[in-house]
Amino acid sequence: MRQIWKPFRALYFSSLMMLIGSGLLSTYLALRLAADHVDSLWVGALMAANYFGLVLGGKIGHRLIARVGHIRAYSACAGIVGAAVLGHGLINWLPAWIVLRMIVGLGMMCQYMVIESWLNEQAEAKQRGVVFSGYMIASYLGLVLGQLILVMHPALGLELLMLVALCFALCLVPVALTQRIHPAPLHPAPMEPRFFIKRVPQSLTTVLGSGLIVGSFYGLAPLYASQQGLSTEQVGLFMGSCIFAGLLVQWPLGWLSDRYDRALLIRCFALILVVCALPLAILPKVPLEVLFVAGFFCSLVQFCLYPLAVAFSNDHVEGDRRVSLTAMLLVTYGVGASIGPLVAGVLMKLYGSQMLYGFFALFALILVWRIRPKAVTNLHQVDDAPLHHVAMPDNMTSSPLVACLDPRVDEQVVQEQMQTSPNPDVEPEPELEPVIEGADDEPPPSDFTRARP
């Protein structure tokens, strides 16, 4: 295992430093605005801008990397992100902060794309599952460590912004000093939303709901904890324990996912989330012990929804469409994560901070209503379904290129698609009859390509 991970340690270190900075920045901004008694709507808007930037970066990143190469693109984006982070300390105008948060999200998505391109270039087919899990661990661990910095440095001064900028400067070092040849630039696959809406509607609904919930959690949970009377150190511990729950649950989730019906699991976990979130949604003030325990169990469940939806959708999509499926799932998640913090912020402003978990319970209840295992036709279920469950990062800490690392995606198919014409334009989509999860005509081949410079 050590010999497999050794060639990737520099890229894992870069991912770790990026996520330490990103996790710390999100919590710091929420606590800083809470200390200044700013409306929760602004806190939600900042997180929504970050996710909007991530979605936008998924479109821009391919062109930037193809134009200037991986190292230059990564270096430029790391510099821009670091400057945008420091800009929060120079400007106190909230609309400017929204623009800066969008720039941070856009730049980070380009960085994700560079790292994942390199991981894909270096990973052999038999190693992709291990490489993928290492990337996921680095993502979660970085987010947790970012929260724990607040425990060691609770003062909400400019020093924390400097520390975030320092993380983005250090994540640049391994990539800038690499002696490896540039990997080939990767071109995006068409998402074909009409096709996937017809083929895997329940999976997309779950991904959208997960984006609404998890995006709101990252943006507004620090504000909620602060308004519950927690100190900065306690907020850091609360956020760190909740994010750690997302890492902790991935392995037992994989065991369950491979043995039980995934649609049923999504519905059950959504129902459990409703039950776990209700105490925090009903009580205006929650005892510290109850807050930590209920928050931990809510996170255990909410971080299960996206990986289950990914596994469920892969069971009903042919191998040559799974790269496009990954892009569609990430964009759907990003749309939800952009809307969720805004809506939850309005509810918190109007009805109190406990409405954050009321928001979670509401959308989890909608998933219980919309996810219907008996409605799954299995008409287009792949022959070896259920596919082996793969632990996924909890949010958009990856780009559509991560599909190349996913061991569920056939290596030979990916290579054939990456060697075709580098034209990512979407082909006309066939007319489809409305069905539920797994019923459609034979799909055309994917256009995910890879062009040599």
Protein backbone atom coordinates (compact mmCIF):
# COMPACT_ATOMS: atom_id res chain seq x y z
CA MET A 1 0.00 0.00 0.00
CA ARG A 2 2.80 2.40 0.90
CA GLN A 3 4.54 1.72 -2.41
CA ILE A 4 1.34 2.56 -4.28
CA TRP A 5 0.72 5.84 -2.46
CA LYS A 6 4.34 7.01 -2.50
CA PRO A 7 4.34 8.40 -6.08
CA PHE A 8 1.25 10.47 -5.27
CA ARG A 9 2.26 11.98 -1.95
CA ALA A 10 3.19 15.37 -3.44
CA LEU A 11 -0.25 15.67 -5.06
CA TYR A 12 -1.95 14.50 -1.86
CA PHE A 13 -0.01 17.17 0.05
CA SER A 14 -1.19 19.82 -2.41
CA SER A 15 -4.79 18.66 -2.00
CA LEU A 16 -4.41 18.61 1.79
CA MET A 17 -3.11 22.19 1.94
CA MET A 18 -5.83 23.42 -0.43
CA LEU A 19 -8.60 21.92 1.69
CA ILE A 20 -7.07 23.14 4.96
CA GLY A 21 -7.19 26.66 3.54
CA SER A 22 -10.66 26.27 2.05
CA GLY A 23 -12.19 24.75 5.19
CA LEU A 24 -10.65 27.39 7.44
CA LEU A 25 -11.75 30.23 5.16
CA SER A 26 -15.41 29.14 5.08
CA THR A 27 -15.68 28.87 8.87
CA TYR A 28 -13.65 32.03 9.51
CA LEU A 29 -15.87 34.17 7.27
CA ALA A 30 -19.04 32.83 8.89
CA LEU A 31 -17.72 33.53 12.40
CA ARG A 32 -16.33 36.92 11.41
CA LEU A 33 -19.73 38.04 10.07
CA ALA A 34 -21.47 36.57 13.12
CA ALA A 35 -19.19 38.61 15.38
CA ASP A 36 -20.14 41.73 13.40
CA HIS A 37 -23.86 40.81 13.69
CA VAL A 38 -24.31 40.55 9.93
CA ASP A 39 -27.50 38.90 8.60
CA SER A 40 -27.31 35.19 7.91
CA LEU A 41 -28.40 35.94 4.34
CA TRP A 42 -24.96 37.43 3.63
CA VAL A 43 -23.23 34.38 5.12
CA GLY A 44 -25.29 32.13 2.86
CA ALA A 45 -24.58 34.35 -0.14
CA LEU A 46 -20.84 34.01 0.41
CA MET A 47 -21.01 30.21 0.36
CA ALA A 48 -23.36 30.27 -2.64
CA ALA A 49 -20.84 32.45 -4.50
CA ASN A 50 -18.10 29.95 -3.70
CA TYR A 51 -20.07 27.05 -5.19
CA PHE A 52 -21.07 29.14 -8.19
CA GLY A 53 -17.38 29.79 -8.77
CA LEU A 54 -16.68 26.05 -8.56
CA VAL A 55 -19.31 25.33 -11.21
CA LEU A 56 -17.98 28.13 -13.42
CA GLY A 57 -14.42 26.87 -12.97
CA GLY A 58 -15.45 23.50 -14.35
CA LYS A 59 -16.12 25.24 -17.66
CA ILE A 60 -13.14 27.60 -17.69
CA GLY A 61 -10.50 25.23 -16.31
CA HIS A 62 -10.31 23.01 -19.39
CA ARG A 63 -9.60 25.97 -21.67
CA LEU A 64 -7.02 27.47 -19.33
CA ILE A 65 -5.09 24.22 -18.96
CA ALA A 66 -5.19 23.57 -22.72
CA ARG A 67 -3.91 27.10 -23.41
CA VAL A 68 -0.99 27.39 -20.96
CA GLY A 69 -0.38 23.90 -19.55
CA HIS A 70 -0.94 22.31 -16.18
CA ILE A 71 1.86 23.89 -14.13
CA ARG A 72 1.23 27.43 -15.34
CA ALA A 73 -2.53 27.07 -14.89
CA TYR A 74 -2.11 25.69 -11.37
CA SER A 75 0.43 28.36 -10.40
CA ALA A 76 -1.72 31.18 -11.76
CA CYS A 77 -4.84 29.93 -9.99
CA ALA A 78 -3.01 29.40 -6.68
CA GLY A 79 -1.72 32.97 -6.88
CA ILE A 80 -5.15 34.37 -7.72
CA VAL A 81 -6.81 32.42 -4.91
CA GLY A 82 -4.20 33.60 -2.41
CA ALA A 83 -4.69 37.20 -3.50
CA ALA A 84 -8.48 36.86 -3.26
CA VAL A 85 -8.16 35.46 0.26
CA LEU A 86 -6.01 38.40 1.36
CA GLY A 87 -8.48 40.72 -0.34
CA HIS A 88 -11.01 39.83 2.38
CA GLY A 89 -8.70 41.54 4.84
CA LEU A 90 -8.26 44.67 2.75
CA ILE A 91 -11.92 45.26 1.87
CA ASN A 92 -14.85 45.30 4.29
CA TRP A 93 -17.56 45.77 1.66
CA LEU A 94 -19.71 42.62 1.59
CA PRO A 95 -20.59 42.70 -2.14
CA ALA A 96 -16.86 42.68 -2.85
CA TRP A 97 -16.48 39.66 -0.58
CA ILE A 98 -19.06 37.81 -2.67
CA VAL A 99 -16.99 38.46 -5.80
CA LEU A 100 -13.84 37.35 -4.00
CA ARG A 101 -15.52 34.12 -2.85
CA MET A 102 -16.56 33.38 -6.41
CA ILE A 103 -12.96 33.91 -7.55
CA VAL A 104 -11.73 31.54 -4.83
CA GLY A 105 -14.16 28.84 -5.98
CA LEU A 106 -13.29 29.30 -9.64
CA GLY A 107 -9.55 29.14 -9.00
CA MET A 108 -9.83 26.09 -6.75
CA MET A 109 -11.80 24.15 -9.35
CA CYS A 110 -8.99 24.75 -11.86
CA GLN A 111 -6.52 23.48 -9.25
CA TYR A 112 -8.62 20.36 -8.68
CA MET A 113 -8.58 19.69 -12.41
CA VAL A 114 -4.79 19.90 -12.59
CA ILE A 115 -4.29 17.58 -9.62
CA GLU A 116 -6.80 15.03 -10.92
CA SER A 117 -5.25 15.11 -14.39
CA TRP A 118 -1.89 14.28 -12.86
CA LEU A 119 -3.28 11.56 -10.62
CA ASN A 120 -4.98 9.98 -13.62
CA GLU A 121 -1.78 10.18 -15.68
CA GLN A 122 0.30 8.44 -13.01
CA ALA A 123 -2.19 5.85 -11.75
CA GLU A 124 -2.24 2.41 -13.33
CA ALA A 125 -5.60 0.80 -13.96
CA LYS A 126 -5.27 -1.61 -11.02
CA GLN A 127 -4.30 1.26 -8.68
CA ARG A 128 -7.18 3.62 -9.37
CA GLY A 129 -9.31 2.51 -6.43
CA VAL A 130 -6.47 3.02 -3.95
CA VAL A 131 -5.45 6.33 -5.52
CA PHE A 132 -9.05 7.51 -5.40
CA SER A 133 -9.38 6.61 -1.71
CA GLY A 134 -6.16 8.44 -0.90
CA TYR A 135 -7.46 11.53 -2.64
CA MET A 136 -10.71 11.31 -0.66
CA ILE A 137 -8.86 10.93 2.65
CA ALA A 138 -6.69 13.96 1.87
CA SER A 139 -9.85 15.97 1.08
CA TYR A 140 -11.65 15.11 4.31
CA LEU A 141 -8.54 15.40 6.47
CA GLY A 142 -7.79 18.85 5.09
CA LEU A 143 -11.30 20.07 5.89
CA VAL A 144 -11.06 18.70 9.44
CA LEU A 145 -7.64 20.22 10.09
CA GLY A 146 -8.88 23.56 8.81
CA GLN A 147 -11.50 23.57 11.57
CA LEU A 148 -9.04 22.52 14.27
CA ILE A 149 -6.86 25.54 13.52
CA LEU A 150 -9.63 27.61 15.10
CA VAL A 151 -9.18 25.62 18.31
CA MET A 152 -5.51 26.57 18.48
CA HIS A 153 -6.03 30.15 17.26
CA PRO A 154 -9.52 31.34 18.26
CA ALA A 155 -8.90 35.06 17.65
CA LEU A 156 -10.71 36.14 14.47
CA GLY A 157 -8.00 38.51 13.31
CA LEU A 158 -6.27 38.91 9.98
CA GLU A 159 -3.75 36.26 11.04
CA LEU A 160 -6.20 33.54 9.98
CA LEU A 161 -6.56 35.03 6.50
CA MET A 162 -2.78 35.10 6.25
CA LEU A 163 -2.71 31.45 7.29
CA VAL A 164 -5.25 30.56 4.58
CA ALA A 165 -3.12 32.39 2.00
CA LEU A 166 -0.08 30.53 3.34
CA CYS A 167 -1.82 27.20 2.70
CA PHE A 168 -2.51 28.14 -0.90
CA ALA A 169 1.10 29.24 -1.31
CA LEU A 170 2.40 25.92 0.06
CA CYS A 171 0.05 23.84 -2.11
CA LEU A 172 1.82 25.40 -5.09
CA VAL A 173 5.28 24.08 -4.18
CA PRO A 174 4.97 20.35 -5.09
CA VAL A 175 3.39 21.12 -8.46
CA ALA A 176 5.81 23.93 -9.33
CA LEU A 177 8.87 21.77 -8.52
CA THR A 178 7.73 18.60 -10.29
CA GLN A 179 10.10 17.07 -12.84
CA ARG A 180 7.33 15.09 -14.52
CA ILE A 181 6.11 15.81 -18.02
CA HIS A 182 2.81 17.62 -18.33
CA PRO A 183 -0.11 15.22 -18.56
CA ALA A 184 -2.23 15.60 -21.65
CA PRO A 185 -5.00 18.21 -21.35
CA LEU A 186 -8.41 16.65 -20.79
CA HIS A 187 -11.55 17.84 -22.51
CA PRO A 188 -14.99 17.84 -20.87
CA ALA A 189 -17.69 15.40 -21.79
CA PRO A 190 -21.14 16.75 -22.70
CA MET A 191 -23.45 16.49 -19.71
CA GLU A 192 -26.58 15.76 -21.77
CA PRO A 193 -28.98 16.76 -18.99
CA ARG A 194 -32.13 15.57 -20.79
CA PHE A 195 -30.70 12.07 -21.15
CA PHE A 196 -29.75 11.74 -17.49
CA ILE A 197 -32.94 13.35 -16.21
CA LYS A 198 -34.86 10.63 -18.04
CA ARG A 199 -32.50 7.81 -17.14
CA VAL A 200 -31.61 8.49 -13.46
CA PRO A 201 -34.10 11.06 -12.10
CA GLN A 202 -34.04 9.75 -8.53
CA SER A 203 -30.24 9.90 -8.37
CA LEU A 204 -30.22 13.50 -9.61
CA THR A 205 -32.91 14.42 -7.08
CA THR A 206 -30.75 12.96 -4.31
CA VAL A 207 -27.65 14.78 -5.53
CA LEU A 208 -29.55 18.06 -5.71
CA GLY A 209 -30.89 17.54 -2.19
CA SER A 210 -27.42 16.66 -0.95
CA GLY A 211 -26.05 19.87 -2.47
CA LEU A 212 -28.78 21.92 -0.79
CA ILE A 213 -28.04 20.36 2.60
CA VAL A 214 -24.25 20.07 2.58
CA GLY A 215 -23.72 23.48 0.94
CA SER A 216 -25.87 25.06 3.65
CA PHE A 217 -24.00 23.12 6.32
CA TYR A 218 -20.57 24.41 5.30
CA GLY A 219 -21.77 27.97 4.92
CA LEU A 220 -24.13 28.34 7.88
CA ALA A 221 -23.35 25.68 10.51
CA PRO A 222 -20.56 27.86 12.01
CA LEU A 223 -23.05 30.72 12.28
CA TYR A 224 -25.65 28.43 13.86
CA ALA A 225 -23.12 27.13 16.41
CA SER A 226 -22.01 30.67 17.21
CA GLN A 227 -25.59 31.80 17.79
CA GLN A 228 -26.05 28.82 20.11
CA GLY A 229 -23.44 30.44 22.36
CA LEU A 230 -20.38 28.39 21.41
CA SER A 231 -16.96 30.02 21.57
CA THR A 232 -14.66 30.07 18.54
CA GLU A 233 -12.76 27.03 19.87
CA GLN A 234 -16.02 25.13 20.38
CA VAL A 235 -17.24 26.06 16.91
CA GLY A 236 -14.01 24.65 15.47
CA LEU A 237 -14.48 21.42 17.42
CA PHE A 238 -18.13 21.19 16.39
CA MET A 239 -17.33 21.65 12.69
CA GLY A 240 -14.32 19.34 12.87
CA SER A 241 -16.31 16.54 14.51
CA CYS A 242 -19.13 16.90 11.95
CA ILE A 243 -16.76 16.75 8.97
CA PHE A 244 -14.84 13.86 10.54
CA ALA A 245 -18.17 12.02 10.72
CA GLY A 246 -18.35 12.26 6.93
CA LEU A 247 -14.99 10.48 6.62
CA LEU A 248 -15.80 7.94 9.33
CA VAL A 249 -19.04 6.76 7.74
CA GLN A 250 -17.67 6.04 4.25
CA TRP A 251 -16.40 2.50 4.90
CA PRO A 252 -19.48 1.12 6.69
CA LEU A 253 -21.55 2.89 4.04
CA GLY A 254 -19.69 0.98 1.34
CA TRP A 255 -20.45 -2.31 3.10
CA LEU A 256 -24.16 -1.48 3.28
CA SER A 257 -24.29 -0.13 -0.28
CA ASP A 258 -22.87 -3.33 -1.76
CA ARG A 259 -25.38 -5.55 0.09
CA TYR A 260 -28.69 -3.69 0.15
CA ASP A 261 -30.88 -1.85 -2.34
CA ARG A 262 -29.38 1.61 -2.82
CA ALA A 263 -32.67 3.42 -3.43
CA LEU A 264 -33.98 1.97 -0.17
CA LEU A 265 -30.80 3.05 1.63
CA ILE A 266 -31.16 6.62 0.33
CA ARG A 267 -34.73 6.75 1.59
CA CYS A 268 -33.79 5.28 4.98
CA PHE A 269 -30.86 7.64 5.49
CA ALA A 270 -33.03 10.62 4.53
CA LEU A 271 -35.59 9.52 7.12
CA ILE A 272 -32.86 9.13 9.76
CA LEU A 273 -31.65 12.65 8.91
CA VAL A 274 -35.16 13.98 9.56
CA VAL A 275 -35.20 12.33 12.99
CA CYS A 276 -31.67 13.49 13.92
CA ALA A 277 -32.26 17.08 12.76
CA LEU A 278 -35.61 17.57 14.51
CA PRO A 279 -34.24 18.26 18.03
CA LEU A 280 -31.90 20.94 16.66
CA ALA A 281 -34.71 22.33 14.48
CA ILE A 282 -37.28 22.56 17.27
CA LEU A 283 -35.23 23.80 20.23
CA PRO A 284 -34.06 27.45 20.04
CA LYS A 285 -31.29 26.71 22.56
CA VAL A 286 -29.68 23.29 22.74
CA PRO A 287 -27.42 21.96 25.54
CA LEU A 288 -23.81 21.62 24.45
CA GLU A 289 -23.78 17.82 24.74
CA VAL A 290 -26.97 17.46 22.69
CA LEU A 291 -25.64 19.87 20.06
CA PHE A 292 -22.44 17.89 19.52
CA VAL A 293 -24.12 14.47 19.54
CA ALA A 294 -27.06 15.46 17.31
CA GLY A 295 -24.78 17.42 14.96
CA PHE A 296 -22.40 14.44 14.67
CA PHE A 297 -25.20 12.01 13.80
CA CYS A 298 -26.79 14.45 11.35
CA SER A 299 -23.45 14.68 9.56
CA LEU A 300 -23.03 10.90 9.56
CA VAL A 301 -26.25 10.68 7.58
CA GLN A 302 -26.09 13.77 5.36
CA PHE A 303 -22.66 12.83 4.01
CA CYS A 304 -24.05 9.44 2.92
CA LEU A 305 -26.52 10.84 0.40
CA TYR A 306 -24.14 11.93 -2.36
CA PRO A 307 -22.02 8.72 -2.47
CA LEU A 308 -25.15 6.58 -2.50
CA ALA A 309 -26.66 8.63 -5.32
CA VAL A 310 -23.44 8.28 -7.35
CA ALA A 311 -23.39 4.52 -6.85
CA PHE A 312 -27.11 4.23 -7.63
CA SER A 313 -26.79 6.21 -10.86
CA ASN A 314 -23.77 4.19 -12.04
CA ASP A 315 -25.85 1.02 -11.71
CA HIS A 316 -28.19 2.33 -14.42
CA VAL A 317 -25.78 3.99 -16.86
CA GLU A 318 -23.58 2.17 -19.37
CA GLY A 319 -19.81 2.34 -18.90
CA ASP A 320 -19.24 4.63 -21.89
CA ARG A 321 -21.50 7.30 -20.35
CA ARG A 322 -20.08 7.40 -16.82
CA VAL A 323 -17.64 10.23 -17.45
CA SER A 324 -20.51 12.39 -18.67
CA LEU A 325 -22.56 11.18 -15.70
CA THR A 326 -19.88 12.41 -13.28
CA ALA A 327 -19.96 15.87 -14.84
CA MET A 328 -23.75 15.96 -14.64
CA LEU A 329 -23.77 14.88 -10.99
CA LEU A 330 -21.20 17.49 -9.96
CA VAL A 331 -22.99 20.31 -11.74
CA THR A 332 -26.30 19.23 -10.19
CA TYR A 333 -24.63 19.19 -6.78
CA GLY A 334 -23.16 22.64 -7.43
CA VAL A 335 -26.55 24.07 -8.37
CA GLY A 336 -28.02 22.75 -5.13
CA ALA A 337 -25.06 24.00 -3.09
CA SER A 338 -25.42 27.46 -4.65
CA ILE A 339 -29.13 27.71 -3.85
CA GLY A 340 -29.17 26.02 -0.44
CA PRO A 341 -27.15 28.56 1.57
CA LEU A 342 -29.25 31.44 0.22
CA VAL A 343 -32.57 29.81 1.11
CA ALA A 344 -31.35 28.60 4.50
CA GLY A 345 -29.90 32.04 5.23
CA VAL A 346 -33.28 33.68 4.60
CA LEU A 347 -35.02 31.17 6.88
CA MET A 348 -32.47 31.75 9.64
CA LYS A 349 -32.91 35.50 9.35
CA LEU A 350 -36.71 35.30 9.54
CA TYR A 351 -37.26 32.49 12.05
CA GLY A 352 -34.04 32.00 13.99
CA SER A 353 -30.81 30.04 13.73
CA GLN A 354 -32.51 26.67 14.42
CA MET A 355 -34.10 26.91 10.97
CA LEU A 356 -30.81 25.65 9.50
CA TYR A 357 -31.60 22.16 10.78
CA GLY A 358 -35.25 22.72 10.00
CA PHE A 359 -34.10 23.27 6.41
CA PHE A 360 -32.15 19.99 6.56
CA ALA A 361 -35.18 18.12 7.90
CA LEU A 362 -37.47 19.61 5.25
CA PHE A 363 -35.37 18.56 2.27
CA ALA A 364 -34.60 15.19 3.80
CA LEU A 365 -38.35 14.68 4.09
CA ILE A 366 -38.73 15.63 0.43
CA LEU A 367 -36.19 12.92 -0.43
CA VAL A 368 -38.19 10.40 1.60
CA TRP A 369 -41.21 11.36 -0.50
CA ARG A 370 -39.47 11.46 -3.90
CA ILE A 371 -37.19 8.40 -3.67
CA ARG A 372 -39.38 5.38 -4.41
CA PRO A 373 -37.52 2.05 -4.64
CA LYS A 374 -40.56 0.28 -6.10
CA ALA A 375 -40.63 2.74 -9.02
CA VAL A 376 -37.15 1.69 -10.22
CA THR A 377 -37.68 -0.25 -13.44
CA ASN A 378 -34.12 -1.71 -13.68
CA LEU A 379 -34.66 -1.79 -17.44
CA HIS A 380 -31.15 -0.41 -18.09
CA GLN A 381 -29.42 -1.78 -15.03
CA VAL A 382 -25.87 -2.84 -15.93
CA ASP A 383 -25.09 -6.55 -15.90
CA ASP A 384 -22.79 -6.47 -12.86
CA ALA A 385 -25.00 -4.15 -10.75
CA PRO A 386 -24.73 -3.27 -7.98
CA LEU A 387 -21.28 -1.98 -8.85
CA HIS A 388 -18.69 -1.84 -6.10
CA HIS A 389 -19.34 1.21 -3.92
CA VAL A 390 -16.59 3.84 -4.06
CA ALA A 391 -16.20 6.37 -1.24
CA MET A 392 -16.63 9.89 -2.59
CA PRO A 393 -15.55 13.32 -1.29
CA ASP A 394 -18.39 14.98 0.58
CA ASN A 395 -18.76 18.01 -1.67
CA MET A 396 -17.22 19.63 -4.71
CA THR A 397 -13.63 18.93 -3.71
CA SER A 398 -13.19 17.36 -7.13
CA SER A 399 -13.85 18.10 -10.76
CA PRO A 400 -15.49 16.05 -13.55
CA LEU A 401 -12.01 14.71 -14.36
CA VAL A 402 -12.14 12.59 -11.21
CA ALA A 403 -14.23 10.13 -13.23
CA CYS A 404 -10.98 8.95 -14.81
CA LEU A 405 -9.85 7.77 -11.36
CA ASP A 406 -13.13 6.09 -10.52
CA PRO A 407 -12.55 2.31 -10.74
CA ARG A 408 -16.18 1.89 -11.86
CA VAL A 409 -15.24 3.58 -15.14
CA ASP A 410 -13.64 1.13 -17.56
CA GLU A 411 -10.06 2.15 -18.31
CA GLN A 412 -10.15 1.01 -21.93
CA VAL A 413 -13.33 2.94 -22.64
CA VAL A 414 -11.86 6.07 -21.05
CA GLN A 415 -8.71 5.78 -23.15
CA GLU A 416 -10.67 5.35 -26.37
CA GLN A 417 -12.81 8.37 -25.59
CA MET A 418 -9.82 10.50 -24.60
CA GLN A 419 -8.06 9.82 -27.90
CA THR A 420 -10.90 11.00 -30.14
CA SER A 421 -11.36 14.48 -31.55
CA PRO A 422 -10.93 17.18 -28.86
CA ASN A 423 -14.27 18.79 -29.65
CA PRO A 424 -16.38 18.87 -26.48
CA ASP A 425 -19.48 20.25 -28.17
CA VAL A 426 -22.70 18.54 -27.18
CA GLU A 427 -24.30 16.42 -29.85
CA PRO A 428 -28.04 16.68 -30.52
CA GLU A 429 -29.87 14.59 -27.95
CA PRO A 430 -32.37 11.92 -28.98
CA GLU A 431 -36.03 12.17 -28.11
CA LEU A 432 -36.70 10.20 -24.94
CA GLU A 433 -39.83 8.80 -23.40
CA PRO A 434 -40.44 9.70 -19.75
CA VAL A 435 -39.45 6.84 -17.45
CA ILE A 436 -38.15 6.39 -13.92
CA GLU A 437 -34.56 5.34 -13.11
CA GLY A 438 -33.28 3.05 -15.77
CA ALA A 439 -35.39 3.20 -18.92
CA ASP A 440 -34.13 4.71 -22.17
CA ASP A 441 -33.06 3.89 -25.70
CA GLU A 442 -29.49 2.82 -26.42
CA PRO A 443 -27.29 5.90 -25.79
CA PRO A 444 -24.79 7.33 -28.25
CA PRO A 445 -21.10 7.10 -27.27
CA SER A 446 -19.59 9.73 -24.96
CA ASP A 447 -17.47 12.59 -26.31
CA PHE A 448 -15.06 12.82 -23.37
CA THR A 449 -11.73 13.38 -25.09
CA ARG A 450 -8.10 13.91 -24.40
CA ALA A 451 -5.77 15.77 -26.75
CA ARG A 452 -2.04 15.81 -26.74
CA PRO A 453 -0.46 19.28 -26.84
